[in-house]
Amino acid sequence: MIRFKQATLAFAAALAVAAPQAQAQAQASETDSRIGWYGDFAVGGTRYESEPGFVLCRCRKGSATALKVGAGYRFGVSAVEAWYMDLGKANFGADYWGPATSAHMRAAVLGGAWSARWGRYVEATWRVGAAFVNATGDGGSQHDVRATGGFSLGWRTTETSTLELGFDILSARDASGARTDAVPVTLGFRQRF
């Protein structure tokens, strides 16, 4: 929980610093090649941490394969996006407090994105949104709406194509009440149409 809050504060600070610079950069350019529809596909790994807490933390960790598929419309610096994320199933071993369990998160995300370019090839993108999460565990399935955020660093291979290394943060509770944080790290490809 503490790491999630620290990451959220760091993410917000980075967004506050970069957004004015990105806006000025977009205004300086008469024609912005970022404007238009795009699709995104990414795969990678998810790091799960089950029941993080302040005092008595079980902090059981697991990992799984992540898949993200998305689309959006970019207005220049800002964009609206929709994503489907399958963060994979992680297994947590038994410990002193309980038996082995598992977690599997899937989410549909609707949100906004802001990007900044440095030079001809490097692009950074910050994302925030609402995630409609289905968290499944041994105690059943739970549907919830949660805030999510992310960051990606991209390398533009052409004027319309970008390779991206992405980092996202998502938290949810399953039907048994166990809270799980999921941090997918993915390598993706974005194509503007």
C-alpha atoms as a PDB file:
ATOM      1  CA  MET A   1       0.000   0.000   0.000  1.00  0.00           C
ATOM      2  CA  ILE A   2       2.798   2.406   0.894  1.00  0.00           C
ATOM      3  CA  ARG A   3       4.680   1.601  -2.323  1.00  0.00           C
ATOM      4  CA  PHE A   4       1.470   2.059  -4.322  1.00  0.00           C
ATOM      5  CA  LYS A   5       0.881   5.503  -2.767  1.00  0.00           C
ATOM      6  CA  GLN A   6       4.523   6.504  -3.324  1.00  0.00           C
ATOM      7  CA  ALA A   7       4.362   5.379  -6.948  1.00  0.00           C
ATOM      8  CA  THR A   8       1.096   7.303  -7.437  1.00  0.00           C
ATOM      9  CA  LEU A   9       2.610  10.493  -5.958  1.00  0.00           C
ATOM     10  CA  ALA A  10       5.748  10.130  -8.084  1.00  0.00           C
ATOM     11  CA  PHE A  11       3.585   9.567 -11.168  1.00  0.00           C
ATOM     12  CA  ALA A  12       1.505  12.697 -10.425  1.00  0.00           C
ATOM     13  CA  ALA A  13       4.659  14.790  -9.857  1.00  0.00           C
ATOM     14  CA  ALA A  14       6.184  13.608 -13.146  1.00  0.00           C
ATOM     15  CA  LEU A  15       2.950  14.443 -14.957  1.00  0.00           C
ATOM     16  CA  ALA A  16       2.826  17.933 -13.415  1.00  0.00           C
ATOM     17  CA  VAL A  17       6.410  18.640 -14.507  1.00  0.00           C
ATOM     18  CA  ALA A  18       6.145  17.219 -18.031  1.00  0.00           C
ATOM     19  CA  ALA A  19       2.659  18.393 -19.050  1.00  0.00           C
ATOM     20  CA  PRO A  20       3.511  22.130 -19.481  1.00  0.00           C
ATOM     21  CA  GLN A  21       6.638  21.256 -21.485  1.00  0.00           C
ATOM     22  CA  ALA A  22       4.692  18.870 -23.710  1.00  0.00           C
ATOM     23  CA  GLN A  23       1.944  21.457 -24.289  1.00  0.00           C
ATOM     24  CA  ALA A  24       4.496  24.108 -25.295  1.00  0.00           C
ATOM     25  CA  GLN A  25       6.171  21.631 -27.634  1.00  0.00           C
ATOM     26  CA  ALA A  26       2.856  20.847 -29.344  1.00  0.00           C
ATOM     27  CA  GLN A  27       2.015  24.523 -29.798  1.00  0.00           C
ATOM     28  CA  ALA A  28       5.413  25.180 -31.398  1.00  0.00           C
ATOM     29  CA  SER A  29       4.762  22.551 -34.068  1.00  0.00           C
ATOM     30  CA  GLU A  30       2.389  23.573 -36.855  1.00  0.00           C
ATOM     31  CA  THR A  31       1.651  20.034 -38.017  1.00  0.00           C
ATOM     32  CA  ASP A  32       1.705  17.312 -35.403  1.00  0.00           C
ATOM     33  CA  SER A  33       2.178  13.775 -36.736  1.00  0.00           C
ATOM     34  CA  ARG A  34       0.643  12.360 -33.548  1.00  0.00           C
ATOM     35  CA  ILE A  35      -2.907  13.434 -34.414  1.00  0.00           C
ATOM     36  CA  GLY A  36      -5.256  10.598 -35.352  1.00  0.00           C
ATOM     37  CA  TRP A  37      -6.403   7.071 -34.509  1.00  0.00           C
ATOM     38  CA  TYR A  38      -3.951   4.439 -33.307  1.00  0.00           C
ATOM     39  CA  GLY A  39      -3.844   0.864 -32.068  1.00  0.00           C
ATOM     40  CA  ASP A  40      -1.545  -0.651 -29.459  1.00  0.00           C
ATOM     41  CA  PHE A  41      -0.533  -4.218 -28.598  1.00  0.00           C
ATOM     42  CA  ALA A  42       1.794  -5.185 -25.726  1.00  0.00           C
ATOM     43  CA  VAL A  43       2.992  -8.319 -23.905  1.00  0.00           C
ATOM     44  CA  GLY A  44       5.134  -8.756 -20.827  1.00  0.00           C
ATOM     45  CA  GLY A  45       5.034  -9.810 -17.221  1.00  0.00           C
ATOM     46  CA  THR A  46       2.967  -8.866 -14.185  1.00  0.00           C
ATOM     47  CA  ARG A  47       4.293  -8.693 -10.649  1.00  0.00           C
ATOM     48  CA  TYR A  48       1.556  -9.368  -8.094  1.00  0.00           C
ATOM     49  CA  GLU A  49       1.721  -8.547  -4.394  1.00  0.00           C
ATOM     50  CA  SER A  50      -1.127  -9.992  -2.319  1.00  0.00           C
ATOM     51  CA  GLU A  51      -2.512  -8.242   0.761  1.00  0.00           C
ATOM     52  CA  PRO A  52      -0.008  -5.420   1.137  1.00  0.00           C
ATOM     53  CA  GLY A  53      -0.606  -3.518   4.367  1.00  0.00           C
ATOM     54  CA  PHE A  54       0.907  -1.186   6.938  1.00  0.00           C
ATOM     55  CA  VAL A  55       1.394  -3.280  10.074  1.00  0.00           C
ATOM     56  CA  LEU A  56       0.761  -6.983   9.566  1.00  0.00           C
ATOM     57  CA  CYS A  57       1.587  -7.596   5.930  1.00  0.00           C
ATOM     58  CA  ARG A  58       1.608 -11.048   4.395  1.00  0.00           C
ATOM     59  CA  CYS A  59       2.990  -9.467   1.228  1.00  0.00           C
ATOM     60  CA  ARG A  60       2.959 -12.658  -0.777  1.00  0.00           C
ATOM     61  CA  LYS A  61       4.421 -12.169  -4.225  1.00  0.00           C
ATOM     62  CA  GLY A  62       3.731 -13.864  -7.545  1.00  0.00           C
ATOM     63  CA  SER A  63       4.200 -13.272 -11.247  1.00  0.00           C
ATOM     64  CA  ALA A  64       2.299 -13.952 -14.457  1.00  0.00           C
ATOM     65  CA  THR A  65       2.213 -13.107 -18.161  1.00  0.00           C
ATOM     66  CA  ALA A  66       0.521  -9.841 -19.185  1.00  0.00           C
ATOM     67  CA  LEU A  67      -1.349  -8.919 -22.371  1.00  0.00           C
ATOM     68  CA  LYS A  68      -2.632  -5.450 -23.304  1.00  0.00           C
ATOM     69  CA  VAL A  69      -4.621  -4.475 -26.390  1.00  0.00           C
ATOM     70  CA  GLY A  70      -5.753  -0.897 -26.878  1.00  0.00           C
ATOM     71  CA  ALA A  71      -6.888   1.834 -29.215  1.00  0.00           C
ATOM     72  CA  GLY A  72      -7.117   5.571 -28.967  1.00  0.00           C
ATOM     73  CA  TYR A  73      -7.402   8.927 -30.632  1.00  0.00           C
ATOM     74  CA  ARG A  74      -4.639  11.463 -30.154  1.00  0.00           C
ATOM     75  CA  PHE A  75      -5.274  15.196 -30.411  1.00  0.00           C
ATOM     76  CA  GLY A  76      -1.575  16.088 -30.373  1.00  0.00           C
ATOM     77  CA  VAL A  77      -0.192  16.028 -26.849  1.00  0.00           C
ATOM     78  CA  SER A  78      -3.327  14.537 -25.270  1.00  0.00           C
ATOM     79  CA  ALA A  79      -5.329  11.449 -26.193  1.00  0.00           C
ATOM     80  CA  VAL A  80      -8.288   9.334 -25.141  1.00  0.00           C
ATOM     81  CA  GLU A  81      -7.685   5.586 -24.913  1.00  0.00           C
ATOM     82  CA  ALA A  82      -9.469   2.306 -24.282  1.00  0.00           C
ATOM     83  CA  TRP A  83      -7.565  -0.835 -23.193  1.00  0.00           C
ATOM     84  CA  TYR A  84      -8.218  -4.463 -22.420  1.00  0.00           C
ATOM     85  CA  MET A  85      -5.661  -5.894 -19.988  1.00  0.00           C
ATOM     86  CA  ASP A  86      -5.269  -9.529 -18.972  1.00  0.00           C
ATOM     87  CA  LEU A  87      -2.659  -9.509 -16.219  1.00  0.00           C
ATOM     88  CA  GLY A  88      -2.412 -13.290 -15.961  1.00  0.00           C
ATOM     89  CA  LYS A  89      -2.833 -15.729 -13.089  1.00  0.00           C
ATOM     90  CA  ALA A  90      -0.316 -15.764 -10.235  1.00  0.00           C
ATOM     91  CA  ASN A  91      -0.067 -18.444  -7.561  1.00  0.00           C
ATOM     92  CA  PHE A  92       0.897 -17.617  -3.986  1.00  0.00           C
ATOM     93  CA  GLY A  93       2.336 -20.368  -1.828  1.00  0.00           C
ATOM     94  CA  ALA A  94       1.008 -21.363   1.606  1.00  0.00           C
ATOM     95  CA  ASP A  95       2.424 -19.566   4.630  1.00  0.00           C
ATOM     96  CA  TYR A  96       1.920 -19.470   8.403  1.00  0.00           C
ATOM     97  CA  TRP A  97      -1.371 -17.536   8.089  1.00  0.00           C
ATOM     98  CA  GLY A  98      -3.076 -19.532   5.367  1.00  0.00           C
ATOM     99  CA  PRO A  99      -3.095 -21.982   2.452  1.00  0.00           C
ATOM    100  CA  ALA A 100      -1.881 -21.433  -1.084  1.00  0.00           C
ATOM    101  CA  THR A 101      -4.031 -19.025  -3.134  1.00  0.00           C
ATOM    102  CA  SER A 102      -4.081 -17.469  -6.567  1.00  0.00           C
ATOM    103  CA  ALA A 103      -5.017 -14.169  -8.211  1.00  0.00           C
ATOM    104  CA  HIS A 104      -6.026 -13.303 -11.767  1.00  0.00           C
ATOM    105  CA  MET A 105      -6.944  -9.787 -12.896  1.00  0.00           C
ATOM    106  CA  ARG A 106      -8.580  -8.668 -16.104  1.00  0.00           C
ATOM    107  CA  ALA A 107      -9.564  -5.059 -16.763  1.00  0.00           C
ATOM    108  CA  ALA A 108     -11.191  -2.807 -19.322  1.00  0.00           C
ATOM    109  CA  VAL A 109      -9.681   0.665 -19.015  1.00  0.00           C
ATOM    110  CA  LEU A 110     -10.969   4.000 -20.272  1.00  0.00           C
ATOM    111  CA  GLY A 111      -8.711   6.985 -19.780  1.00  0.00           C
ATOM    112  CA  GLY A 112      -6.528   9.775 -21.008  1.00  0.00           C
ATOM    113  CA  ALA A 113      -2.899   9.998 -22.056  1.00  0.00           C
ATOM    114  CA  TRP A 114      -0.374  12.817 -22.420  1.00  0.00           C
ATOM    115  CA  SER A 115       2.874  12.559 -24.329  1.00  0.00           C
ATOM    116  CA  ALA A 116       6.106  14.472 -24.781  1.00  0.00           C
ATOM    117  CA  ARG A 117       8.804  14.036 -27.401  1.00  0.00           C
ATOM    118  CA  TRP A 118      12.510  14.550 -27.039  1.00  0.00           C
ATOM    119  CA  GLY A 119      14.285  14.791 -30.332  1.00  0.00           C
ATOM    120  CA  ARG A 120      13.138  12.809 -33.328  1.00  0.00           C
ATOM    121  CA  TYR A 121      12.869   9.343 -31.811  1.00  0.00           C
ATOM    122  CA  VAL A 122      12.139   9.377 -28.047  1.00  0.00           C
ATOM    123  CA  GLU A 123       8.591   9.750 -26.709  1.00  0.00           C
ATOM    124  CA  ALA A 124       7.231   9.464 -23.160  1.00  0.00           C
ATOM    125  CA  THR A 125       3.543   8.906 -22.395  1.00  0.00           C
ATOM    126  CA  TRP A 126       1.671   9.218 -19.080  1.00  0.00           C
ATOM    127  CA  ARG A 127      -1.708   7.514 -18.652  1.00  0.00           C
ATOM    128  CA  VAL A 128      -4.530   7.736 -16.094  1.00  0.00           C
ATOM    129  CA  GLY A 129      -7.928   6.124 -16.225  1.00  0.00           C
ATOM    130  CA  ALA A 130     -10.759   4.153 -14.709  1.00  0.00           C
ATOM    131  CA  ALA A 131     -10.342   0.379 -14.765  1.00  0.00           C
ATOM    132  CA  PHE A 132     -13.346  -1.929 -14.685  1.00  0.00           C
ATOM    133  CA  VAL A 133     -11.615  -4.845 -12.941  1.00  0.00           C
ATOM    134  CA  ASN A 134     -12.540  -8.507 -12.641  1.00  0.00           C
ATOM    135  CA  ALA A 135     -10.359  -9.908  -9.838  1.00  0.00           C
ATOM    136  CA  THR A 136     -10.565 -13.678  -9.475  1.00  0.00           C
ATOM    137  CA  GLY A 137      -9.103 -15.644  -6.604  1.00  0.00           C
ATOM    138  CA  ASP A 138      -9.768 -18.818  -4.680  1.00  0.00           C
ATOM    139  CA  GLY A 139     -12.579 -17.008  -2.858  1.00  0.00           C
ATOM    140  CA  GLY A 140     -14.479 -16.281  -6.081  1.00  0.00           C
ATOM    141  CA  SER A 141     -14.711 -13.348  -8.456  1.00  0.00           C
ATOM    142  CA  GLN A 142     -15.190  -9.654  -7.689  1.00  0.00           C
ATOM    143  CA  HIS A 143     -16.024  -6.802 -10.092  1.00  0.00           C
ATOM    144  CA  ASP A 144     -14.857  -3.328  -9.151  1.00  0.00           C
ATOM    145  CA  VAL A 145     -13.998   0.093 -10.611  1.00  0.00           C
ATOM    146  CA  ARG A 146     -10.518   1.331  -9.701  1.00  0.00           C
ATOM    147  CA  ALA A 147      -8.191   4.148 -10.696  1.00  0.00           C
ATOM    148  CA  THR A 148      -5.150   3.118 -12.669  1.00  0.00           C
ATOM    149  CA  GLY A 149      -2.069   4.859 -13.981  1.00  0.00           C
ATOM    150  CA  GLY A 150       0.843   4.122 -16.215  1.00  0.00           C
ATOM    151  CA  PHE A 151       3.931   5.374 -17.961  1.00  0.00           C
ATOM    152  CA  SER A 152       5.677   4.312 -21.157  1.00  0.00           C
ATOM    153  CA  LEU A 153       8.899   5.239 -22.867  1.00  0.00           C
ATOM    154  CA  GLY A 154       8.824   4.864 -26.634  1.00  0.00           C
ATOM    155  CA  TRP A 155      11.213   4.728 -29.566  1.00  0.00           C
ATOM    156  CA  ARG A 156       9.663   5.979 -32.808  1.00  0.00           C
ATOM    157  CA  THR A 157      10.700   3.596 -35.597  1.00  0.00           C
ATOM    158  CA  THR A 158       8.791   5.568 -38.268  1.00  0.00           C
ATOM    159  CA  GLU A 159       6.564   8.634 -38.290  1.00  0.00           C
ATOM    160  CA  THR A 160       3.542   6.443 -37.470  1.00  0.00           C
ATOM    161  CA  SER A 161       5.052   3.496 -35.506  1.00  0.00           C
ATOM    162  CA  THR A 162       6.470   3.368 -31.987  1.00  0.00           C
ATOM    163  CA  LEU A 163       7.983   0.625 -29.826  1.00  0.00           C
ATOM    164  CA  GLU A 164       7.063   1.180 -26.156  1.00  0.00           C
ATOM    165  CA  LEU A 165       8.283  -0.082 -22.799  1.00  0.00           C
ATOM    166  CA  GLY A 166       5.271   0.328 -20.488  1.00  0.00           C
ATOM    167  CA  PHE A 167       4.694   0.279 -16.733  1.00  0.00           C
ATOM    168  CA  ASP A 168       1.193   0.262 -15.168  1.00  0.00           C
ATOM    169  CA  ILE A 169      -0.264   0.092 -11.641  1.00  0.00           C
ATOM    170  CA  LEU A 170      -3.568  -1.569 -10.761  1.00  0.00           C
ATOM    171  CA  SER A 171      -5.039  -2.590  -7.405  1.00  0.00           C
ATOM    172  CA  ALA A 172      -8.160  -4.630  -6.634  1.00  0.00           C
ATOM    173  CA  ARG A 173      -9.875  -6.867  -4.059  1.00  0.00           C
ATOM    174  CA  ASP A 174     -11.181 -10.341  -4.826  1.00  0.00           C
ATOM    175  CA  ALA A 175     -14.396 -11.872  -3.450  1.00  0.00           C
ATOM    176  CA  SER A 176     -12.617 -13.005  -0.259  1.00  0.00           C
ATOM    177  CA  GLY A 177     -11.560  -9.412   0.461  1.00  0.00           C
ATOM    178  CA  ALA A 178      -7.854  -9.986  -0.235  1.00  0.00           C
ATOM    179  CA  ARG A 179      -6.266  -6.914  -1.761  1.00  0.00           C
ATOM    180  CA  THR A 180      -3.772  -7.427  -4.560  1.00  0.00           C
ATOM    181  CA  ASP A 181      -1.555  -4.917  -6.353  1.00  0.00           C
ATOM    182  CA  ALA A 182      -0.565  -5.742  -9.936  1.00  0.00           C
ATOM    183  CA  VAL A 183       2.307  -4.053 -11.766  1.00  0.00           C
ATOM    184  CA  PRO A 184       2.570  -5.143 -15.416  1.00  0.00           C
ATOM    185  CA  VAL A 185       5.730  -4.269 -17.333  1.00  0.00           C
ATOM    186  CA  THR A 186       5.209  -4.698 -21.072  1.00  0.00           C
ATOM    187  CA  LEU A 187       6.891  -4.236 -24.427  1.00  0.00           C
ATOM    188  CA  GLY A 188       4.454  -2.972 -27.020  1.00  0.00           C
ATOM    189  CA  PHE A 189       3.972  -1.677 -30.524  1.00  0.00           C
ATOM    190  CA  ARG A 190       1.779   1.347 -31.330  1.00  0.00           C
ATOM    191  CA  GLN A 191       0.650   2.068 -34.886  1.00  0.00           C
ATOM    192  CA  ARG A 192      -1.107   5.248 -36.004  1.00  0.00           C
ATOM    193  CA  PHE A 193      -3.612   4.848 -38.842  1.00  0.00           C
END
